[in-house]
Amino acid sequence: TTDTFPKVATATVKLGKAKVTINGMAKGAGMIAPDM
C-alpha cells in the first residue's frame, strides 16, 4: 500500500539430512505497532 519497496526474505537449512527452504514476504509502512 504505502510501502516503498517489496519486502522478501529467504533461508535454506537442513532438516534431518534434507534441504528445506523458507520464503517470506511482508507489507507494512504505517499503522505499525504489532501485537502477536
Full PDB file with SEQRES, HELIX, SHEET, SSBOND, CRYST1, ORIGX, SCALE, CONECT and MASTER records, all heavy atoms in Angstrom:
SEQRES   1 A   36  THR THR ASP THR PHE PRO LYS VAL ALA THR ALA THR VAL          
SEQRES   2 A   36  LYS LEU GLY LYS ALA LYS VAL THR ILE ASN GLY MET ALA          
SEQRES   3 A   36  LYS GLY ALA GLY MET ILE ALA PRO ASP MET                      
SHEET    1 AA1 2 LYS A   7  LEU A  15  0                                        
SHEET    2 AA1 2 ALA A  18  ALA A  26 -1                                        
CRYST1    1.000    1.000    1.000  90.00  90.00  90.00 P 1           1          
ORIGX1      1.000000  0.000000  0.000000        0.00000                         
ORIGX2      0.000000  1.000000  0.000000        0.00000                         
ORIGX3      0.000000  0.000000  1.000000        0.00000                         
SCALE1      1.000000  0.000000  0.000000        0.00000                         
SCALE2      0.000000  1.000000  0.000000        0.00000                         
SCALE3      0.000000  0.000000  1.000000        0.00000                         
ATOM      1  N   THR A   1       0.873  -1.186   0.000  1.00  0.00           N  
ATOM      2  CA  THR A   1       0.000   0.000   0.000  1.00  0.00           C  
ATOM      3  C   THR A   1       0.910   1.237   0.000  1.00  0.00           C  
ATOM      4  O   THR A   1       1.336   1.686  -1.053  1.00  0.00           O  
ATOM      5  CB  THR A   1      -0.970  -0.004   1.196  1.00  0.00           C  
ATOM      6  OG1 THR A   1      -0.247  -0.244   2.412  1.00  0.00           O  
ATOM      7  CG2 THR A   1      -2.028  -1.085   1.027  1.00  0.00           C  
ATOM      8  N   THR A   2       1.243   1.759   1.186  1.00  0.00           N  
ATOM      9  CA  THR A   2       2.172   2.895   1.216  1.00  0.00           C  
ATOM     10  C   THR A   2       3.621   2.441   1.289  1.00  0.00           C  
ATOM     11  O   THR A   2       4.522   3.273   1.433  1.00  0.00           O  
ATOM     12  CB  THR A   2       1.865   3.834   2.411  1.00  0.00           C  
ATOM     13  OG1 THR A   2       1.959   3.092   3.633  1.00  0.00           O  
ATOM     14  CG2 THR A   2       0.490   4.447   2.277  1.00  0.00           C  
ATOM     15  N   ASP A   3       3.850   1.153   1.189  1.00  0.00           N  
ATOM     16  CA  ASP A   3       5.219   0.634   1.145  1.00  0.00           C  
ATOM     17  C   ASP A   3       5.952   1.242  -0.051  1.00  0.00           C  
ATOM     18  O   ASP A   3       5.364   1.483  -1.101  1.00  0.00           O  
ATOM     19  CB  ASP A   3       5.210  -0.885   0.967  1.00  0.00           C  
ATOM     20  CG  ASP A   3       4.387  -1.609   2.006  1.00  0.00           C  
ATOM     21  OD1 ASP A   3       3.163  -1.396   2.061  1.00  0.00           O  
ATOM     22  OD2 ASP A   3       4.979  -2.392   2.750  1.00  0.00           O  
ATOM     23  N   THR A   4       7.267   1.429   0.118  1.00  0.00           N  
ATOM     24  CA  THR A   4       8.055   1.956  -0.994  1.00  0.00           C  
ATOM     25  C   THR A   4       8.908   0.887  -1.659  1.00  0.00           C  
ATOM     26  O   THR A   4       9.514   1.143  -2.694  1.00  0.00           O  
ATOM     27  CB  THR A   4       8.971   3.110  -0.542  1.00  0.00           C  
ATOM     28  OG1 THR A   4      10.008   2.594   0.312  1.00  0.00           O  
ATOM     29  CG2 THR A   4       8.169   4.185   0.195  1.00  0.00           C  
ATOM     30  N   PHE A   5       8.983  -0.286  -1.053  1.00  0.00           N  
ATOM     31  CA  PHE A   5       9.707  -1.392  -1.669  1.00  0.00           C  
ATOM     32  C   PHE A   5       9.121  -2.718  -1.200  1.00  0.00           C  
ATOM     33  O   PHE A   5       8.582  -2.810  -0.090  1.00  0.00           O  
ATOM     34  CB  PHE A   5      11.211  -1.332  -1.355  1.00  0.00           C  
ATOM     35  CG  PHE A   5      11.561  -1.430   0.111  1.00  0.00           C  
ATOM     36  CD1 PHE A   5      11.744  -2.664   0.728  1.00  0.00           C  
ATOM     37  CD2 PHE A   5      11.732  -0.280   0.876  1.00  0.00           C  
ATOM     38  CE1 PHE A   5      12.076  -2.754   2.072  1.00  0.00           C  
ATOM     39  CE2 PHE A   5      12.056  -0.350   2.223  1.00  0.00           C  
ATOM     40  CZ  PHE A   5      12.232  -1.600   2.821  1.00  0.00           C  
ATOM     41  N   PRO A   6       9.189  -3.748  -2.057  1.00  0.00           N  
ATOM     42  CA  PRO A   6       8.691  -5.063  -1.661  1.00  0.00           C  
ATOM     43  C   PRO A   6       9.616  -5.690  -0.631  1.00  0.00           C  
ATOM     44  O   PRO A   6      10.841  -5.522  -0.701  1.00  0.00           O  
ATOM     45  CB  PRO A   6       8.688  -5.857  -2.970  1.00  0.00           C  
ATOM     46  CG  PRO A   6       9.722  -5.191  -3.810  1.00  0.00           C  
ATOM     47  CD  PRO A   6       9.694  -3.730  -3.443  1.00  0.00           C  
ATOM     48  N   LYS A   7       9.033  -6.416   0.310  1.00  0.00           N  
ATOM     49  CA  LYS A   7       9.806  -6.982   1.419  1.00  0.00           C  
ATOM     50  C   LYS A   7       9.795  -8.502   1.331  1.00  0.00           C  
ATOM     51  O   LYS A   7       8.739  -9.126   1.468  1.00  0.00           O  
ATOM     52  CB  LYS A   7       9.216  -6.499   2.742  1.00  0.00           C  
ATOM     53  CG  LYS A   7       9.224  -4.982   2.860  1.00  0.00           C  
ATOM     54  CD  LYS A   7       8.328  -4.492   3.988  1.00  0.00           C  
ATOM     55  CE  LYS A   7       8.329  -2.970   4.039  1.00  0.00           C  
ATOM     56  NZ  LYS A   7       7.736  -2.382   2.813  1.00  0.00           N  
ATOM     57  N   VAL A   8      10.952  -9.079   1.104  1.00  0.00           N  
ATOM     58  CA  VAL A   8      11.070 -10.533   0.983  1.00  0.00           C  
ATOM     59  C   VAL A   8      12.298 -11.003   1.755  1.00  0.00           C  
ATOM     60  O   VAL A   8      13.237 -10.244   1.993  1.00  0.00           O  
ATOM     61  CB  VAL A   8      11.195 -10.976  -0.492  1.00  0.00           C  
ATOM     62  CG1 VAL A   8       9.921 -10.690  -1.264  1.00  0.00           C  
ATOM     63  CG2 VAL A   8      12.396 -10.327  -1.164  1.00  0.00           C  
ATOM     64  N   ALA A   9      12.270 -12.269   2.150  1.00  0.00           N  
ATOM     65  CA  ALA A   9      13.407 -12.889   2.828  1.00  0.00           C  
ATOM     66  C   ALA A   9      13.353 -14.381   2.573  1.00  0.00           C  
ATOM     67  O   ALA A   9      12.272 -14.949   2.354  1.00  0.00           O  
ATOM     68  CB  ALA A   9      13.368 -12.598   4.327  1.00  0.00           C  
ATOM     69  N   THR A  10      14.510 -15.014   2.608  1.00  0.00           N  
ATOM     70  CA  THR A  10      14.558 -16.451   2.356  1.00  0.00           C  
ATOM     71  C   THR A  10      15.683 -17.083   3.150  1.00  0.00           C  
ATOM     72  O   THR A  10      16.659 -16.409   3.522  1.00  0.00           O  
ATOM     73  CB  THR A  10      14.742 -16.747   0.850  1.00  0.00           C  
ATOM     74  OG1 THR A  10      14.637 -18.160   0.635  1.00  0.00           O  
ATOM     75  CG2 THR A  10      16.078 -16.248   0.347  1.00  0.00           C  
ATOM     76  N   ALA A  11      15.557 -18.370   3.412  1.00  0.00           N  
ATOM     77  CA  ALA A  11      16.599 -19.125   4.107  1.00  0.00           C  
ATOM     78  C   ALA A  11      16.521 -20.578   3.665  1.00  0.00           C  
ATOM     79  O   ALA A  11      15.433 -21.094   3.378  1.00  0.00           O  
ATOM     80  CB  ALA A  11      16.432 -19.027   5.617  1.00  0.00           C  
ATOM     81  N   THR A  12      17.673 -21.216   3.608  1.00  0.00           N  
ATOM     82  CA  THR A  12      17.754 -22.641   3.308  1.00  0.00           C  
ATOM     83  C   THR A  12      18.480 -23.324   4.456  1.00  0.00           C  
ATOM     84  O   THR A  12      19.509 -22.815   4.937  1.00  0.00           O  
ATOM     85  CB  THR A  12      18.508 -22.889   1.994  1.00  0.00           C  
ATOM     86  OG1 THR A  12      17.834 -22.209   0.928  1.00  0.00           O  
ATOM     87  CG2 THR A  12      18.562 -24.368   1.668  1.00  0.00           C  
ATOM     88  N   VAL A  13      17.957 -24.441   4.915  1.00  0.00           N  
ATOM     89  CA  VAL A  13      18.511 -25.091   6.097  1.00  0.00           C  
ATOM     90  C   VAL A  13      18.280 -26.587   5.990  1.00  0.00           C  
ATOM     91  O   VAL A  13      17.400 -27.042   5.250  1.00  0.00           O  
ATOM     92  CB  VAL A  13      17.848 -24.504   7.372  1.00  0.00           C  
ATOM     93  CG1 VAL A  13      16.366 -24.861   7.442  1.00  0.00           C  
ATOM     94  CG2 VAL A  13      18.560 -24.924   8.642  1.00  0.00           C  
ATOM     95  N   LYS A  14      19.054 -27.355   6.740  1.00  0.00           N  
ATOM     96  CA  LYS A  14      18.881 -28.794   6.761  1.00  0.00           C  
ATOM     97  C   LYS A  14      17.827 -29.181   7.809  1.00  0.00           C  
ATOM     98  O   LYS A  14      17.834 -28.675   8.929  1.00  0.00           O  
ATOM     99  CB  LYS A  14      20.199 -29.490   7.092  1.00  0.00           C  
ATOM    100  CG  LYS A  14      21.220 -29.502   5.974  1.00  0.00           C  
ATOM    101  CD  LYS A  14      20.803 -30.489   4.897  1.00  0.00           C  
ATOM    102  CE  LYS A  14      21.911 -30.684   3.846  1.00  0.00           C  
ATOM    103  NZ  LYS A  14      23.064 -31.414   4.395  1.00  0.00           N  
ATOM    104  N   LEU A  15      16.948 -30.078   7.413  1.00  0.00           N  
ATOM    105  CA  LEU A  15      16.009 -30.693   8.341  1.00  0.00           C  
ATOM    106  C   LEU A  15      16.267 -32.183   8.224  1.00  0.00           C  
ATOM    107  O   LEU A  15      15.977 -32.786   7.184  1.00  0.00           O  
ATOM    108  CB  LEU A  15      14.564 -30.353   7.978  1.00  0.00           C  
ATOM    109  CG  LEU A  15      13.493 -30.902   8.932  1.00  0.00           C  
ATOM    110  CD1 LEU A  15      13.696 -30.362  10.347  1.00  0.00           C  
ATOM    111  CD2 LEU A  15      12.083 -30.538   8.445  1.00  0.00           C  
ATOM    112  N   GLY A  16      16.848 -32.770   9.281  1.00  0.00           N  
ATOM    113  CA  GLY A  16      17.384 -34.102   9.121  1.00  0.00           C  
ATOM    114  C   GLY A  16      18.563 -34.001   8.170  1.00  0.00           C  
ATOM    115  O   GLY A  16      19.452 -33.170   8.345  1.00  0.00           O  
ATOM    116  N   LYS A  17      18.575 -34.805   7.119  1.00  0.00           N  
ATOM    117  CA  LYS A  17      19.637 -34.742   6.126  1.00  0.00           C  
ATOM    118  C   LYS A  17      19.187 -34.075   4.825  1.00  0.00           C  
ATOM    119  O   LYS A  17      19.939 -34.019   3.854  1.00  0.00           O  
ATOM    120  CB  LYS A  17      20.141 -36.152   5.834  1.00  0.00           C  
ATOM    121  CG  LYS A  17      20.821 -36.812   7.027  1.00  0.00           C  
ATOM    122  CD  LYS A  17      21.341 -38.189   6.664  1.00  0.00           C  
ATOM    123  CE  LYS A  17      22.041 -38.832   7.859  1.00  0.00           C  
ATOM    124  NZ  LYS A  17      22.574 -40.177   7.513  1.00  0.00           N  
ATOM    125  N   ALA A  18      17.948 -33.567   4.834  1.00  0.00           N  
ATOM    126  CA  ALA A  18      17.399 -32.960   3.618  1.00  0.00           C  
ATOM    127  C   ALA A  18      17.415 -31.440   3.695  1.00  0.00           C  
ATOM    128  O   ALA A  18      17.322 -30.852   4.771  1.00  0.00           O  
ATOM    129  CB  ALA A  18      15.963 -33.447   3.397  1.00  0.00           C  
ATOM    130  N   LYS A  19      17.538 -30.817   2.532  1.00  0.00           N  
ATOM    131  CA  LYS A  19      17.491 -29.357   2.452  1.00  0.00           C  
ATOM    132  C   LYS A  19      16.049 -28.894   2.358  1.00  0.00           C  
ATOM    133  O   LYS A  19      15.264 -29.432   1.577  1.00  0.00           O  
ATOM    134  CB  LYS A  19      18.268 -28.872   1.235  1.00  0.00           C  
ATOM    135  CG  LYS A  19      18.346 -27.364   1.106  1.00  0.00           C  
ATOM    136  CD  LYS A  19      19.151 -26.939  -0.104  1.00  0.00           C  
ATOM    137  CE  LYS A  19      18.395 -27.186  -1.398  1.00  0.00           C  
ATOM    138  NZ  LYS A  19      19.079 -26.612  -2.582  1.00  0.00           N  
ATOM    139  N   VAL A  20      15.692 -27.901   3.170  1.00  0.00           N  
ATOM    140  CA  VAL A  20      14.357 -27.303   3.092  1.00  0.00           C  
ATOM    141  C   VAL A  20      14.516 -25.796   2.932  1.00  0.00           C  
ATOM    142  O   VAL A  20      15.547 -25.216   3.276  1.00  0.00           O  
ATOM    143  CB  VAL A  20      13.493 -27.622   4.336  1.00  0.00           C  
ATOM    144  CG1 VAL A  20      13.236 -29.116   4.448  1.00  0.00           C  
ATOM    145  CG2 VAL A  20      14.153 -27.098   5.607  1.00  0.00           C  
ATOM    146  N   THR A  21      13.498 -25.170   2.397  1.00  0.00           N  
ATOM    147  CA  THR A  21      13.525 -23.737   2.111  1.00  0.00           C  
ATOM    148  C   THR A  21      12.407 -23.021   2.860  1.00  0.00           C  
ATOM    149  O   THR A  21      11.318 -23.559   3.035  1.00  0.00           O  
ATOM    150  CB  THR A  21      13.377 -23.483   0.605  1.00  0.00           C  
ATOM    151  OG1 THR A  21      14.411 -24.185  -0.085  1.00  0.00           O  
ATOM    152  CG2 THR A  21      13.466 -22.011   0.273  1.00  0.00           C  
ATOM    153  N   ILE A  22      12.718 -21.810   3.280  1.00  0.00           N  
ATOM    154  CA  ILE A  22      11.724 -20.935   3.916  1.00  0.00           C  
ATOM    155  C   ILE A  22      11.709 -19.629   3.141  1.00  0.00           C  
ATOM    156  O   ILE A  22      12.747 -18.976   3.010  1.00  0.00           O  
ATOM    157  CB  ILE A  22      12.070 -20.639   5.388  1.00  0.00           C  
ATOM    158  CG1 ILE A  22      12.288 -21.933   6.172  1.00  0.00           C  
ATOM    159  CG2 ILE A  22      10.976 -19.795   6.032  1.00  0.00           C  
ATOM    160  CD1 ILE A  22      12.962 -21.718   7.520  1.00  0.00           C  
ATOM    161  N   ASN A  23      10.566 -19.246   2.612  1.00  0.00           N  
ATOM    162  CA  ASN A  23      10.399 -17.955   1.941  1.00  0.00           C  
ATOM    163  C   ASN A  23       9.376 -17.125   2.686  1.00  0.00           C  
ATOM    164  O   ASN A  23       8.372 -17.666   3.180  1.00  0.00           O  
ATOM    165  CB  ASN A  23       9.912 -18.130   0.501  1.00  0.00           C  
ATOM    166  CG  ASN A  23      11.020 -18.519  -0.453  1.00  0.00           C  
ATOM    167  OD1 ASN A  23      12.175 -18.650  -0.058  1.00  0.00           O  
ATOM    168  ND2 ASN A  23      10.677 -18.702  -1.724  1.00  0.00           N  
ATOM    169  N   GLY A  24       9.614 -15.819   2.746  1.00  0.00           N  
ATOM    170  CA  GLY A  24       8.650 -14.947   3.403  1.00  0.00           C  
ATOM    171  C   GLY A  24       8.499 -13.626   2.682  1.00  0.00           C  
ATOM    172  O   GLY A  24       9.416 -13.175   1.984  1.00  0.00           O  
ATOM    173  N   MET A  25       7.342 -13.015   2.835  1.00  0.00           N  
ATOM    174  CA  MET A  25       7.091 -11.670   2.319  1.00  0.00           C  
ATOM    175  C   MET A  25       6.267 -10.907   3.349  1.00  0.00           C  
ATOM    176  O   MET A  25       5.586 -11.518   4.187  1.00  0.00           O  
ATOM    177  CB  MET A  25       6.353 -11.720   0.979  1.00  0.00           C  
ATOM    178  CG  MET A  25       4.932 -12.220   1.071  1.00  0.00           C  
ATOM    179  SD  MET A  25       4.103 -12.326  -0.541  1.00  0.00           S  
ATOM    180  CE  MET A  25       4.735 -13.898  -1.123  1.00  0.00           C  
ATOM    181  N   ALA A  26       6.363  -9.600   3.315  1.00  0.00           N  
ATOM    182  CA  ALA A  26       5.605  -8.782   4.253  1.00  0.00           C  
ATOM    183  C   ALA A  26       5.261  -7.458   3.604  1.00  0.00           C  
ATOM    184  O   ALA A  26       5.890  -7.035   2.633  1.00  0.00           O  
ATOM    185  CB  ALA A  26       6.400  -8.545   5.534  1.00  0.00           C  
ATOM    186  N   LYS A  27       4.245  -6.805   4.145  1.00  0.00           N  
ATOM    187  CA  LYS A  27       3.947  -5.433   3.757  1.00  0.00           C  
ATOM    188  C   LYS A  27       3.644  -4.652   5.027  1.00  0.00           C  
ATOM    189  O   LYS A  27       3.156  -5.186   6.024  1.00  0.00           O  
ATOM    190  CB  LYS A  27       2.778  -5.364   2.770  1.00  0.00           C  
ATOM    191  CG  LYS A  27       1.425  -5.768   3.289  1.00  0.00           C  
ATOM    192  CD  LYS A  27       0.660  -4.720   4.088  1.00  0.00           C  
ATOM    193  CE  LYS A  27       0.586  -3.411   3.350  1.00  0.00           C  
ATOM    194  NZ  LYS A  27      -0.061  -2.360   4.246  1.00  0.00           N  
ATOM    195  N   GLY A  28       3.969  -3.386   4.992  1.00  0.00           N  
ATOM    196  CA  GLY A  28       3.683  -2.532   6.131  1.00  0.00           C  
ATOM    197  C   GLY A  28       4.617  -1.352   6.149  1.00  0.00           C  
ATOM    198  O   GLY A  28       5.818  -1.496   5.911  1.00  0.00           O  
ATOM    199  N   ALA A  29       4.067  -0.168   6.405  1.00  0.00           N  
ATOM    200  CA  ALA A  29       4.873   1.043   6.490  1.00  0.00           C  
ATOM    201  C   ALA A  29       4.275   2.039   7.475  1.00  0.00           C  
ATOM    202  O   ALA A  29       4.971   2.894   8.013  1.00  0.00           O  
ATOM    203  CB  ALA A  29       5.012   1.700   5.114  1.00  0.00           C  
ATOM    204  N   GLY A  30       2.967   1.934   7.714  1.00  0.00           N  
ATOM    205  CA  GLY A  30       2.286   2.797   8.672  1.00  0.00           C  
ATOM    206  C   GLY A  30       1.213   2.012   9.398  1.00  0.00           C  
ATOM    207  O   GLY A  30       0.869   0.897   9.017  1.00  0.00           O  
ATOM    208  N   MET A  31       0.673   2.578  10.466  1.00  0.00           N  
ATOM    209  CA  MET A  31      -0.226   1.888  11.380  1.00  0.00           C  
ATOM    210  C   MET A  31       0.461   0.609  11.858  1.00  0.00           C  
ATOM    211  O   MET A  31      -0.057  -0.487  11.765  1.00  0.00           O  
ATOM    212  CB  MET A  31      -1.587   1.561  10.754  1.00  0.00           C  
ATOM    213  CG  MET A  31      -2.685   1.283  11.791  1.00  0.00           C  
ATOM    214  SD  MET A  31      -4.281   0.811  11.078  1.00  0.00           S  
ATOM    215  CE  MET A  31      -4.788   2.370  10.364  1.00  0.00           C  
ATOM    216  N   ILE A  32       1.676   0.804  12.394  1.00  0.00           N  
ATOM    217  CA  ILE A  32       2.519  -0.318  12.748  1.00  0.00           C  
ATOM    218  C   ILE A  32       2.870  -0.290  14.238  1.00  0.00           C  
ATOM    219  O   ILE A  32       3.661   0.537  14.696  1.00  0.00           O  
ATOM    220  CB  ILE A  32       3.841  -0.311  11.950  1.00  0.00           C  
ATOM    221  CG1 ILE A  32       3.574  -0.251  10.449  1.00  0.00           C  
ATOM    222  CG2 ILE A  32       4.674  -1.530  12.322  1.00  0.00           C  
ATOM    223  CD1 ILE A  32       2.815  -1.412   9.894  1.00  0.00           C  
ATOM    224  N   ALA A  33       2.263  -1.169  14.982  1.00  0.00           N  
ATOM    225  CA  ALA A  33       2.640  -1.485  16.361  1.00  0.00           C  
ATOM    226  C   ALA A  33       2.070  -2.862  16.625  1.00  0.00           C  
ATOM    227  O   ALA A  33       1.059  -3.020  17.302  1.00  0.00           O  
ATOM    228  CB  ALA A  33       2.084  -0.460  17.348  1.00  0.00           C  
ATOM    229  N   PRO A  34       2.679  -3.884  16.027  1.00  0.00           N  
ATOM    230  CA  PRO A  34       2.099  -5.232  16.046  1.00  0.00           C  
ATOM    231  C   PRO A  34       1.844  -5.759  17.450  1.00  0.00           C  
ATOM    232  O   PRO A  34       2.516  -5.386  18.403  1.00  0.00           O  
ATOM    233  CB  PRO A  34       3.160  -6.068  15.339  1.00  0.00           C  
ATOM    234  CG  PRO A  34       3.887  -5.099  14.489  1.00  0.00           C  
ATOM    235  CD  PRO A  34       3.934  -3.835  15.275  1.00  0.00           C  
ATOM    236  N   ASP A  35       0.892  -6.641  17.541  1.00  0.00           N  
ATOM    237  CA  ASP A  35       0.543  -7.273  18.814  1.00  0.00           C  
ATOM    238  C   ASP A  35       0.169  -8.716  18.507  1.00  0.00           C  
ATOM    239  O   ASP A  35      -0.965  -9.019  18.172  1.00  0.00           O  
ATOM    240  CB  ASP A  35      -0.626  -6.540  19.469  1.00  0.00           C  
ATOM    241  CG  ASP A  35      -0.778  -6.886  20.941  1.00  0.00           C  
ATOM    242  OD1 ASP A  35      -0.038  -7.778  21.398  1.00  0.00           O  
ATOM    243  OD2 ASP A  35      -1.611  -6.290  21.613  1.00  0.00           O  
ATOM    244  N   MET A  36       1.116  -9.601  18.555  1.00  0.00           N  
ATOM    245  CA  MET A  36       1.004 -11.018  18.224  1.00  0.00           C  
ATOM    246  C   MET A  36       1.053 -11.283  16.723  1.00  0.00           C  
ATOM    247  O   MET A  36       0.821 -12.394  16.267  1.00  0.00           O  
ATOM    248  CB  MET A  36      -0.252 -11.665  18.820  1.00  0.00           C  
ATOM    249  CG  MET A  36      -0.151 -11.863  20.320  1.00  0.00           C  
ATOM    250  SD  MET A  36       1.349 -12.712  20.833  1.00  0.00           S  
ATOM    251  CE  MET A  36       1.147 -14.310  20.074  1.00  0.00           C  
TER     252      MET A  36                                                      
MASTER        0    0    0    0    2    0    0    6  251    1    0    3          
END                                                                             
